[in-house]
Amino acid sequence: MSEDSKQKIYENPVKRHLVVGGVILFIILIFYLFTDYGAINKISYINKESELTEKTEKLVAEIDSLKKLEIQMKNDTLEIERLAREKYGMIKQGEKVIFINKKKVDEESGD
């Protein structure tokens, strides 16, 4: 820019106000976008909040299902017996356990 054009900007109050206003607006925009209270951080906080809300809902549903299972386990002796047999290999007194070799059964059924 030449000296004449710079001088014209400073002499004309409308142009001077536009330049000063533009600089101030630019500074405010930078502050609004990139500070701790800015829009970029706000967007990331909103995303994080939605993730945490979703996680909380899943955990609440899991807690509810575990409470139902607890009530069922306290009241249903057949369910307790089934779990004891399946998970822990427990048997009733006088029962005999028969182990079946799965490989052998598969070979025999394939013939």
C-alpha atoms as a PDB file:
ATOM      1  CA  MET A   1       0.000   0.000   0.000  1.00  0.00           C
ATOM      2  CA  SER A   2       1.214   3.429  -0.757  1.00  0.00           C
ATOM      3  CA  GLU A   3       1.305   6.294   1.698  1.00  0.00           C
ATOM      4  CA  ASP A   4      -1.631   7.982  -0.030  1.00  0.00           C
ATOM      5  CA  SER A   5      -3.936   4.980   0.316  1.00  0.00           C
ATOM      6  CA  LYS A   6      -2.941   4.525   3.997  1.00  0.00           C
ATOM      7  CA  GLN A   7      -3.582   8.178   4.621  1.00  0.00           C
ATOM      8  CA  LYS A   8      -7.000   7.961   2.921  1.00  0.00           C
ATOM      9  CA  ILE A   9      -8.035   5.086   5.209  1.00  0.00           C
ATOM     10  CA  TYR A  10      -7.041   6.967   8.343  1.00  0.00           C
ATOM     11  CA  GLU A  11      -8.620  10.231   7.171  1.00  0.00           C
ATOM     12  CA  ASN A  12     -11.995   8.732   6.314  1.00  0.00           C
ATOM     13  CA  PRO A  13     -13.743   7.988   9.643  1.00  0.00           C
ATOM     14  CA  VAL A  14     -16.068   5.374   8.122  1.00  0.00           C
ATOM     15  CA  LYS A  15     -13.182   3.328   6.717  1.00  0.00           C
ATOM     16  CA  ARG A  16     -11.215   3.762   9.929  1.00  0.00           C
ATOM     17  CA  HIS A  17     -14.166   2.469  11.972  1.00  0.00           C
ATOM     18  CA  LEU A  18     -14.568  -0.467   9.593  1.00  0.00           C
ATOM     19  CA  VAL A  19     -10.891  -1.411   9.915  1.00  0.00           C
ATOM     20  CA  VAL A  20     -10.904  -1.066  13.715  1.00  0.00           C
ATOM     21  CA  GLY A  21     -14.221  -2.935  13.935  1.00  0.00           C
ATOM     22  CA  GLY A  22     -12.871  -5.696  11.682  1.00  0.00           C
ATOM     23  CA  VAL A  23      -9.772  -6.110  13.846  1.00  0.00           C
ATOM     24  CA  ILE A  24     -11.861  -6.204  17.031  1.00  0.00           C
ATOM     25  CA  LEU A  25     -14.288  -8.680  15.441  1.00  0.00           C
ATOM     26  CA  PHE A  26     -11.372 -10.877  14.369  1.00  0.00           C
ATOM     27  CA  ILE A  27      -9.938 -10.883  17.911  1.00  0.00           C
ATOM     28  CA  ILE A  28     -13.339 -11.725  19.398  1.00  0.00           C
ATOM     29  CA  LEU A  29     -13.807 -14.524  16.852  1.00  0.00           C
ATOM     30  CA  ILE A  30     -10.402 -16.015  17.689  1.00  0.00           C
ATOM     31  CA  PHE A  31     -11.213 -15.771  21.407  1.00  0.00           C
ATOM     32  CA  TYR A  32     -14.632 -17.379  20.862  1.00  0.00           C
ATOM     33  CA  LEU A  33     -13.192 -20.305  18.908  1.00  0.00           C
ATOM     34  CA  PHE A  34      -9.969 -21.211  20.669  1.00  0.00           C
ATOM     35  CA  THR A  35     -10.192 -20.397  24.387  1.00  0.00           C
ATOM     36  CA  ASP A  36     -11.302 -22.755  27.158  1.00  0.00           C
ATOM     37  CA  TYR A  37     -14.834 -21.389  26.834  1.00  0.00           C
ATOM     38  CA  GLY A  38     -14.746 -21.425  23.037  1.00  0.00           C
ATOM     39  CA  ALA A  39     -16.936 -23.189  20.535  1.00  0.00           C
ATOM     40  CA  ILE A  40     -14.425 -25.929  19.723  1.00  0.00           C
ATOM     41  CA  ASN A  41     -14.145 -26.999  23.354  1.00  0.00           C
ATOM     42  CA  LYS A  42     -17.904 -26.748  23.788  1.00  0.00           C
ATOM     43  CA  ILE A  43     -18.441 -29.134  20.876  1.00  0.00           C
ATOM     44  CA  SER A  44     -15.969 -31.621  22.344  1.00  0.00           C
ATOM     45  CA  TYR A  45     -17.695 -31.347  25.746  1.00  0.00           C
ATOM     46  CA  ILE A  46     -21.076 -32.014  24.140  1.00  0.00           C
ATOM     47  CA  ASN A  47     -19.699 -35.092  22.367  1.00  0.00           C
ATOM     48  CA  LYS A  48     -18.110 -36.345  25.572  1.00  0.00           C
ATOM     49  CA  GLU A  49     -21.358 -35.757  27.469  1.00  0.00           C
ATOM     50  CA  SER A  50     -23.366 -37.777  24.950  1.00  0.00           C
ATOM     51  CA  GLU A  51     -20.836 -40.633  25.130  1.00  0.00           C
ATOM     52  CA  LEU A  52     -20.987 -40.641  28.922  1.00  0.00           C
ATOM     53  CA  THR A  53     -24.791 -40.509  28.890  1.00  0.00           C
ATOM     54  CA  GLU A  54     -24.901 -43.505  26.561  1.00  0.00           C
ATOM     55  CA  LYS A  55     -22.427 -45.379  28.742  1.00  0.00           C
ATOM     56  CA  THR A  56     -24.483 -44.551  31.843  1.00  0.00           C
ATOM     57  CA  GLU A  57     -27.663 -45.862  30.222  1.00  0.00           C
ATOM     58  CA  LYS A  58     -25.920 -49.134  29.317  1.00  0.00           C
ATOM     59  CA  LEU A  59     -24.618 -49.526  32.854  1.00  0.00           C
ATOM     60  CA  VAL A  60     -28.051 -48.821  34.352  1.00  0.00           C
ATOM     61  CA  ALA A  61     -29.565 -51.482  32.074  1.00  0.00           C
ATOM     62  CA  GLU A  62     -26.837 -53.925  33.118  1.00  0.00           C
ATOM     63  CA  ILE A  63     -27.476 -53.185  36.806  1.00  0.00           C
ATOM     64  CA  ASP A  64     -31.203 -53.800  36.303  1.00  0.00           C
ATOM     65  CA  SER A  65     -30.581 -57.142  34.617  1.00  0.00           C
ATOM     66  CA  LEU A  66     -28.165 -58.160  37.379  1.00  0.00           C
ATOM     67  CA  LYS A  67     -30.732 -57.236  40.042  1.00  0.00           C
ATOM     68  CA  LYS A  68     -33.338 -59.379  38.256  1.00  0.00           C
ATOM     69  CA  LEU A  69     -30.836 -62.245  38.067  1.00  0.00           C
ATOM     70  CA  GLU A  70     -30.086 -61.848  41.782  1.00  0.00           C
ATOM     71  CA  ILE A  71     -33.779 -62.056  42.660  1.00  0.00           C
ATOM     72  CA  GLN A  72     -34.168 -65.050  40.373  1.00  0.00           C
ATOM     73  CA  MET A  73     -31.172 -66.790  41.945  1.00  0.00           C
ATOM     74  CA  LYS A  74     -32.523 -66.212  45.460  1.00  0.00           C
ATOM     75  CA  ASN A  75     -35.949 -67.658  44.660  1.00  0.00           C
ATOM     76  CA  ASP A  76     -35.490 -70.264  41.909  1.00  0.00           C
ATOM     77  CA  THR A  77     -33.801 -73.448  43.152  1.00  0.00           C
ATOM     78  CA  LEU A  78     -33.935 -75.063  39.700  1.00  0.00           C
ATOM     79  CA  GLU A  79     -31.923 -72.196  38.233  1.00  0.00           C
ATOM     80  CA  ILE A  80     -29.364 -72.505  41.033  1.00  0.00           C
ATOM     81  CA  GLU A  81     -29.112 -76.233  40.376  1.00  0.00           C
ATOM     82  CA  ARG A  82     -28.714 -75.702  36.626  1.00  0.00           C
ATOM     83  CA  LEU A  83     -25.907 -73.181  37.110  1.00  0.00           C
ATOM     84  CA  ALA A  84     -24.170 -75.405  39.656  1.00  0.00           C
ATOM     85  CA  ARG A  85     -24.222 -78.282  37.187  1.00  0.00           C
ATOM     86  CA  GLU A  86     -23.156 -76.277  34.119  1.00  0.00           C
ATOM     87  CA  LYS A  87     -20.546 -73.948  35.562  1.00  0.00           C
ATOM     88  CA  TYR A  88     -19.110 -75.917  38.446  1.00  0.00           C
ATOM     89  CA  GLY A  89     -19.700 -79.523  37.393  1.00  0.00           C
ATOM     90  CA  MET A  90     -21.600 -80.350  40.568  1.00  0.00           C
ATOM     91  CA  ILE A  91     -23.718 -83.474  40.775  1.00  0.00           C
ATOM     92  CA  LYS A  92     -26.423 -84.746  43.104  1.00  0.00           C
ATOM     93  CA  GLN A  93     -25.728 -87.500  45.554  1.00  0.00           C
ATOM     94  CA  GLY A  94     -25.968 -90.882  43.840  1.00  0.00           C
ATOM     95  CA  GLU A  95     -25.750 -89.474  40.286  1.00  0.00           C
ATOM     96  CA  LYS A  96     -23.214 -90.723  37.786  1.00  0.00           C
ATOM     97  CA  VAL A  97     -21.572 -88.467  35.241  1.00  0.00           C
ATOM     98  CA  ILE A  98     -21.066 -89.808  31.740  1.00  0.00           C
ATOM     99  CA  PHE A  99     -18.461 -87.997  29.656  1.00  0.00           C
ATOM    100  CA  ILE A 100     -18.954 -88.107  25.904  1.00  0.00           C
ATOM    101  CA  ASN A 101     -15.954 -87.639  23.661  1.00  0.00           C
ATOM    102  CA  LYS A 102     -17.255 -85.166  21.114  1.00  0.00           C
ATOM    103  CA  LYS A 103     -14.633 -86.074  18.509  1.00  0.00           C
ATOM    104  CA  LYS A 104     -15.615 -89.721  18.632  1.00  0.00           C
ATOM    105  CA  VAL A 105     -19.323 -88.900  18.318  1.00  0.00           C
ATOM    106  CA  ASP A 106     -18.658 -86.649  15.310  1.00  0.00           C
ATOM    107  CA  GLU A 107     -16.637 -89.400  13.585  1.00  0.00           C
ATOM    108  CA  GLU A 108     -19.343 -91.992  14.173  1.00  0.00           C
ATOM    109  CA  SER A 109     -22.112 -89.763  12.865  1.00  0.00           C
ATOM    110  CA  GLY A 110     -20.087 -88.962   9.737  1.00  0.00           C
ATOM    111  CA  ASP A 111     -19.909 -92.632   8.618  1.00  0.00           C
END
